[in-house]
Protein backbone atom coordinates (compact mmCIF):
# COMPACT_ATOMS: atom_id res chain seq x y z
CA MET A 1 12.40 -11.68 5.72
CA GLN A 2 15.11 -10.59 3.30
CA GLN A 3 12.54 -9.62 0.65
CA LEU A 4 10.57 -7.63 3.23
CA ARG A 5 13.69 -5.71 4.23
CA GLU A 6 14.65 -5.05 0.61
CA ALA A 7 11.20 -3.64 -0.17
CA ALA A 8 11.07 -1.54 3.01
CA ASP A 9 14.59 -0.19 2.46
CA PHE A 10 13.79 0.74 -1.14
CA ILE A 11 10.61 2.58 -0.13
CA ARG A 12 12.33 4.28 2.81
CA ARG A 13 15.06 5.62 0.51
CA GLN A 14 12.44 6.98 -1.89
CA LEU A 15 10.41 8.60 0.91
CA GLY A 16 13.42 10.43 2.34
CA ASP A 17 12.35 12.34 5.45
CA PHE A 18 8.65 11.60 4.86
CA GLN A 19 7.67 9.23 7.69
CA PRO A 20 4.10 7.88 7.35
CA GLU A 21 2.04 7.63 10.53
CA PHE A 22 -0.82 5.54 9.16
CA GLY A 23 -1.32 2.91 6.50
CA ILE A 24 -4.50 2.77 4.43
CA ILE A 25 -5.49 -0.08 2.13
CA LEU A 26 -8.23 1.00 -0.26
CA GLY A 27 -10.56 -1.72 -1.45
CA THR A 28 -13.06 -1.78 -4.26
CA GLY A 29 -15.06 1.41 -4.43
CA LEU A 30 -12.77 3.62 -2.36
CA GLY A 31 -9.98 4.19 -4.86
CA ALA A 32 -11.31 7.70 -5.41
CA LEU A 33 -10.34 8.60 -1.85
CA VAL A 34 -6.93 9.47 -3.24
CA LYS A 35 -8.50 12.63 -4.68
CA GLU A 36 -8.49 13.87 -1.08
CA LEU A 37 -4.82 12.97 -0.66
CA GLU A 38 -2.03 15.51 -1.08
CA ILE A 39 0.26 13.09 -2.93
CA GLN A 40 3.98 13.52 -2.32
CA HIS A 41 5.21 10.09 -3.46
CA GLU A 42 3.76 7.67 -5.99
CA PHE A 43 4.97 4.17 -6.85
CA SER A 44 3.59 1.53 -9.16
CA TYR A 45 3.60 -1.90 -7.52
CA ASP A 46 5.54 -3.07 -10.58
CA ASP A 47 8.41 -0.76 -9.56
CA LEU A 48 8.60 -1.95 -5.94
CA PRO A 49 10.87 -4.88 -5.06
CA HIS A 50 8.97 -8.12 -4.46
CA PHE A 51 5.49 -6.54 -4.69
CA SER A 52 2.87 -8.47 -6.62
CA THR A 53 0.62 -6.96 -9.27
CA SER A 54 -3.09 -6.58 -8.64
CA THR A 55 -5.15 -8.10 -11.43
CA VAL A 56 -8.50 -6.73 -10.24
CA GLU A 57 -9.67 -4.21 -12.85
CA SER A 58 -10.69 -1.46 -10.42
CA HIS A 59 -7.47 -1.68 -8.37
CA SER A 60 -4.87 0.81 -9.62
CA GLY A 61 -1.84 -0.96 -8.20
CA LYS A 62 -0.16 2.09 -6.67
CA LEU A 63 1.48 2.89 -3.38
CA LEU A 64 1.03 6.54 -2.47
CA GLY A 65 2.63 8.63 0.24
CA GLY A 66 1.02 11.89 1.19
CA ILE A 67 -1.05 13.97 3.54
CA PHE A 68 -4.65 13.02 4.31
CA ALA A 69 -6.66 15.00 6.88
CA GLY A 70 -3.43 16.53 8.15
CA ARG A 71 -1.71 13.17 8.72
CA ARG A 72 1.15 11.49 6.86
CA VAL A 73 -0.17 8.31 5.27
CA LEU A 74 0.98 5.48 3.04
CA VAL A 75 -1.92 4.35 0.86
CA MET A 76 -2.30 1.17 -1.14
CA GLN A 77 -4.58 1.95 -4.06
CA GLY A 78 -5.57 -1.62 -4.78
CA ARG A 79 -4.33 -4.83 -3.22
CA PHE A 80 -3.64 -8.49 -3.94
CA HIS A 81 -6.09 -11.26 -3.23
CA TYR A 82 -5.78 -14.93 -2.43
CA TYR A 83 -8.42 -15.66 -5.09
CA GLU A 84 -6.12 -14.10 -7.71
CA GLY A 85 -3.78 -17.03 -7.14
CA TYR A 86 -1.39 -15.32 -4.76
CA THR A 87 -0.11 -17.06 -1.65
CA MET A 88 -1.06 -15.70 1.76
CA GLN A 89 2.56 -14.54 2.14
CA GLN A 90 2.18 -12.43 -1.01
CA VAL A 91 -1.19 -11.09 0.11
CA VAL A 92 0.14 -9.85 3.46
CA PHE A 93 3.54 -8.74 2.14
CA PRO A 94 2.65 -5.01 1.87
CA VAL A 95 1.25 -4.94 5.42
CA ARG A 96 4.49 -6.42 6.73
CA VAL A 97 6.47 -3.85 4.75
CA MET A 98 4.38 -1.06 6.28
CA LYS A 99 5.21 -2.43 9.73
CA LEU A 100 8.93 -2.33 8.91
CA LEU A 101 8.45 1.28 7.80
CA GLY A 102 7.21 2.11 11.30
CA ILE A 103 3.48 2.27 10.64
CA GLN A 104 1.56 1.31 13.78
CA LYS A 105 -2.03 1.94 12.64
CA LEU A 106 -3.64 0.46 9.52
CA PHE A 107 -7.06 1.15 8.00
CA VAL A 108 -8.39 -1.46 5.58
CA SER A 109 -11.53 -1.13 3.46
CA ASN A 110 -13.27 -3.64 1.25
CA ALA A 111 -16.50 -4.34 -0.56
CA ALA A 112 -18.48 -7.05 1.16
CA GLY A 113 -21.85 -8.50 0.35
CA GLY A 114 -23.92 -11.56 0.62
């Protein structure tokens, strides 16, 4: 819980008075959605306390705060996967941080096939 608080506090300080309403996790193929985002804050996962690094080539590894369709959003451009060798705690860490930041609604996309 301490690591979650540290990450949320760090992000909150950087966001200042920008309070995101929604969280969005972009999966494979939707990274370009950020072109529609009016970006106000941009963080590399490497610069965020206790965040893992995405090793999937098409995942940018950025946390973005901005305006999308008139709403304040926090967007994960890329995410971490269990198959990359991360624990489930690491995989869900950013979602838990978003909850601590006050986000109540989360949109998650992914590529799925059979």
